[in-house]
C-alpha atoms as a PDB file:
ATOM      1  CA  UNK A   1     110.843 100.781 117.239  1.00  0.00           C
ATOM      2  CA  UNK A   2     107.319  99.345 117.568  1.00  0.00           C
ATOM      3  CA  UNK A   3     106.354  96.283 115.601  1.00  0.00           C
ATOM      4  CA  UNK A   4     104.612  96.767 112.309  1.00  0.00           C
ATOM      5  CA  UNK A   5     101.293  95.096 111.567  1.00  0.00           C
ATOM      6  CA  UNK A   6     101.431  92.242 109.074  1.00  0.00           C
ATOM      7  CA  UNK A   7      98.680  92.691 106.479  1.00  0.00           C
ATOM      8  CA  UNK A   8      97.958  90.152 103.743  1.00  0.00           C
ATOM      9  CA  UNK A   9      96.307  91.178 100.505  1.00  0.00           C
ATOM     10  CA  UNK A  10      93.473  88.924  99.390  1.00  0.00           C
ATOM     11  CA  UNK A  11      95.720  87.677  96.582  1.00  0.00           C
ATOM     12  CA  UNK A  12      98.483  86.714  99.050  1.00  0.00           C
ATOM     13  CA  UNK A  13      95.958  84.856 101.215  1.00  0.00           C
ATOM     14  CA  UNK A  14      94.756  83.018  98.130  1.00  0.00           C
ATOM     15  CA  UNK A  15      98.381  82.173  97.292  1.00  0.00           C
ATOM     16  CA  UNK A  16      98.830  80.576 100.740  1.00  0.00           C
ATOM     17  CA  UNK A  17      95.635  78.559 100.393  1.00  0.00           C
ATOM     18  CA  UNK A  18      96.638  77.338  96.921  1.00  0.00           C
ATOM     19  CA  UNK A  19     100.108  76.374  98.156  1.00  0.00           C
ATOM     20  CA  UNK A  20      98.643  74.455 101.092  1.00  0.00           C
ATOM     21  CA  UNK A  21      96.087  72.690  98.899  1.00  0.00           C
ATOM     22  CA  UNK A  22      98.675  71.748  96.280  1.00  0.00           C
ATOM     23  CA  UNK A  23     101.122  70.270  98.797  1.00  0.00           C
ATOM     24  CA  UNK A  24      98.281  68.618 100.737  1.00  0.00           C
ATOM     25  CA  UNK A  25      97.456  66.448  97.703  1.00  0.00           C
ATOM     26  CA  UNK A  26     100.631  64.453  98.365  1.00  0.00           C
ATOM     27  CA  UNK A  27     101.285  64.970 102.069  1.00  0.00           C
ATOM     28  CA  UNK A  28      98.945  66.765 104.467  1.00  0.00           C
ATOM     29  CA  UNK A  29     101.553  66.934 107.230  1.00  0.00           C
ATOM     30  CA  UNK A  30     104.096  68.511 104.876  1.00  0.00           C
ATOM     31  CA  UNK A  31     101.470  71.062 103.842  1.00  0.00           C
ATOM     32  CA  UNK A  32     100.871  72.009 107.469  1.00  0.00           C
ATOM     33  CA  UNK A  33     104.596  72.291 108.177  1.00  0.00           C
ATOM     34  CA  UNK A  34     105.142  74.445 105.098  1.00  0.00           C
ATOM     35  CA  UNK A  35     102.318  76.846 105.918  1.00  0.00           C
ATOM     36  CA  UNK A  36     103.501  77.033 109.538  1.00  0.00           C
ATOM     37  CA  UNK A  37     107.019  77.881 108.398  1.00  0.00           C
ATOM     38  CA  UNK A  38     105.757  80.499 105.952  1.00  0.00           C
ATOM     39  CA  UNK A  39     103.618  82.094 108.664  1.00  0.00           C
ATOM     40  CA  UNK A  40     106.461  81.996 111.184  1.00  0.00           C
ATOM     41  CA  UNK A  41     108.991  83.610 108.831  1.00  0.00           C
ATOM     42  CA  UNK A  42     106.470  86.187 107.646  1.00  0.00           C
ATOM     43  CA  UNK A  43     105.704  86.940 111.295  1.00  0.00           C
ATOM     44  CA  UNK A  44     109.355  87.920 111.818  1.00  0.00           C
ATOM     45  CA  UNK A  45     108.762  90.823 109.440  1.00  0.00           C
ATOM     46  CA  UNK A  46     106.742  92.600 112.145  1.00  0.00           C
ATOM     47  CA  UNK A  47     109.981  93.179 114.074  1.00  0.00           C
ATOM     48  CA  UNK A  48     112.478  92.897 111.216  1.00  0.00           C
ATOM     49  CA  UNK A  49     110.742  94.288 108.116  1.00  0.00           C
ATOM     50  CA  UNK A  50     113.945  94.648 106.132  1.00  0.00           C
ATOM     51  CA  UNK A  51     114.949  90.962 106.197  1.00  0.00           C
ATOM     52  CA  UNK A  52     114.156  90.514 102.529  1.00  0.00           C
ATOM     53  CA  UNK A  53     116.161  91.631  99.547  1.00  0.00           C
ATOM     54  CA  UNK A  54     115.219  95.072  98.205  1.00  0.00           C
ATOM     55  CA  UNK A  55     114.089  95.623  94.621  1.00  0.00           C
ATOM     56  CA  UNK A  56     112.981  98.701  92.743  1.00  0.00           C
ATOM     57  CA  UNK A  57     110.096  98.388  90.278  1.00  0.00           C
ATOM     58  CA  UNK A  58     108.313 100.981  88.158  1.00  0.00           C
ATOM     59  CA  UNK A  59     104.872  99.755  89.257  1.00  0.00           C
ATOM     60  CA  UNK A  60     105.478  98.777  92.890  1.00  0.00           C
ATOM     61  CA  UNK A  61     108.280 101.163  93.696  1.00  0.00           C
ATOM     62  CA  UNK A  62     110.587  99.792  96.372  1.00  0.00           C
ATOM     63  CA  UNK A  63     109.591  96.323  97.538  1.00  0.00           C
ATOM     64  CA  UNK A  64     111.157  93.381  99.332  1.00  0.00           C
ATOM     65  CA  UNK A  65     111.368  89.642  98.739  1.00  0.00           C
ATOM     66  CA  UNK A  66     111.803  87.127 101.550  1.00  0.00           C
ATOM     67  CA  UNK A  67     112.851  83.606 100.553  1.00  0.00           C
ATOM     68  CA  UNK A  68     111.226  80.792 102.562  1.00  0.00           C
ATOM     69  CA  UNK A  69     112.268  77.361 101.316  1.00  0.00           C
ATOM     70  CA  UNK A  70     111.284  77.391  97.639  1.00  0.00           C
ATOM     71  CA  UNK A  71     108.837  80.263  98.007  1.00  0.00           C
ATOM     72  CA  UNK A  72     109.183  83.987  97.460  1.00  0.00           C
ATOM     73  CA  UNK A  73     107.229  86.338  99.702  1.00  0.00           C
ATOM     74  CA  UNK A  74     106.801  89.719  98.021  1.00  0.00           C
ATOM     75  CA  UNK A  75     106.005  92.568 100.390  1.00  0.00           C
ATOM     76  CA  UNK A  76     105.943  96.327 100.868  1.00  0.00           C
ATOM     77  CA  UNK A  77     107.045  98.129 104.023  1.00  0.00           C
ATOM     78  CA  UNK A  78     105.477 101.322 105.364  1.00  0.00           C
ATOM     79  CA  UNK A  79     105.901 103.131 108.675  1.00  0.00           C
ATOM     80  CA  UNK A  80     103.256 101.060 110.443  1.00  0.00           C
ATOM     81  CA  UNK A  81     102.778  97.871 108.432  1.00  0.00           C
ATOM     82  CA  UNK A  82     104.240  95.162 106.255  1.00  0.00           C
ATOM     83  CA  UNK A  83     101.894  94.352 103.399  1.00  0.00           C
ATOM     84  CA  UNK A  84     102.293  90.838 102.028  1.00  0.00           C
ATOM     85  CA  UNK A  85     101.459  91.129  98.341  1.00  0.00           C
ATOM     86  CA  UNK A  86     102.226  87.659  96.922  1.00  0.00           C
ATOM     87  CA  UNK A  87     103.614  84.264  97.957  1.00  0.00           C
ATOM     88  CA  UNK A  88     104.881  82.444  94.896  1.00  0.00           C
ATOM     89  CA  UNK A  89     106.952  79.321  94.225  1.00  0.00           C
ATOM     90  CA  UNK A  90     110.421  80.356  93.124  1.00  0.00           C
ATOM     91  CA  UNK A  91     110.309  78.381  89.881  1.00  0.00           C
ATOM     92  CA  UNK A  92     107.317  80.309  88.549  1.00  0.00           C
ATOM     93  CA  UNK A  93     107.651  83.194  86.168  1.00  0.00           C
ATOM     94  CA  UNK A  94     106.405  85.818  88.563  1.00  0.00           C
ATOM     95  CA  UNK A  95     107.101  89.168  86.915  1.00  0.00           C
ATOM     96  CA  UNK A  96     103.621  89.367  85.376  1.00  0.00           C
ATOM     97  CA  UNK A  97     102.016  88.292  88.669  1.00  0.00           C
ATOM     98  CA  UNK A  98     103.276  91.380  90.453  1.00  0.00           C
ATOM     99  CA  UNK A  99     101.293  93.866  88.409  1.00  0.00           C
END
């Protein structure tokens, strides 16, 4: 099966930038490592789009969540792409963020 394109929503890109900036306040090297790990694990979804746990939601329908360290990567899978919708710290109340 061909690889799917990884597509980030503008909100997911903003999430990554905010995560990097927050961690960078204390340790710039840790921020770089974290973002690299997030990008690497998300990149695996091109070949293995069903790595994450499956959830069913009335608004999103069927979606997946990939856990990377303390972060949750929420994404949708279609025939030709993986759409990264949000990247959120696992301790946040995230239900309202998914709407």
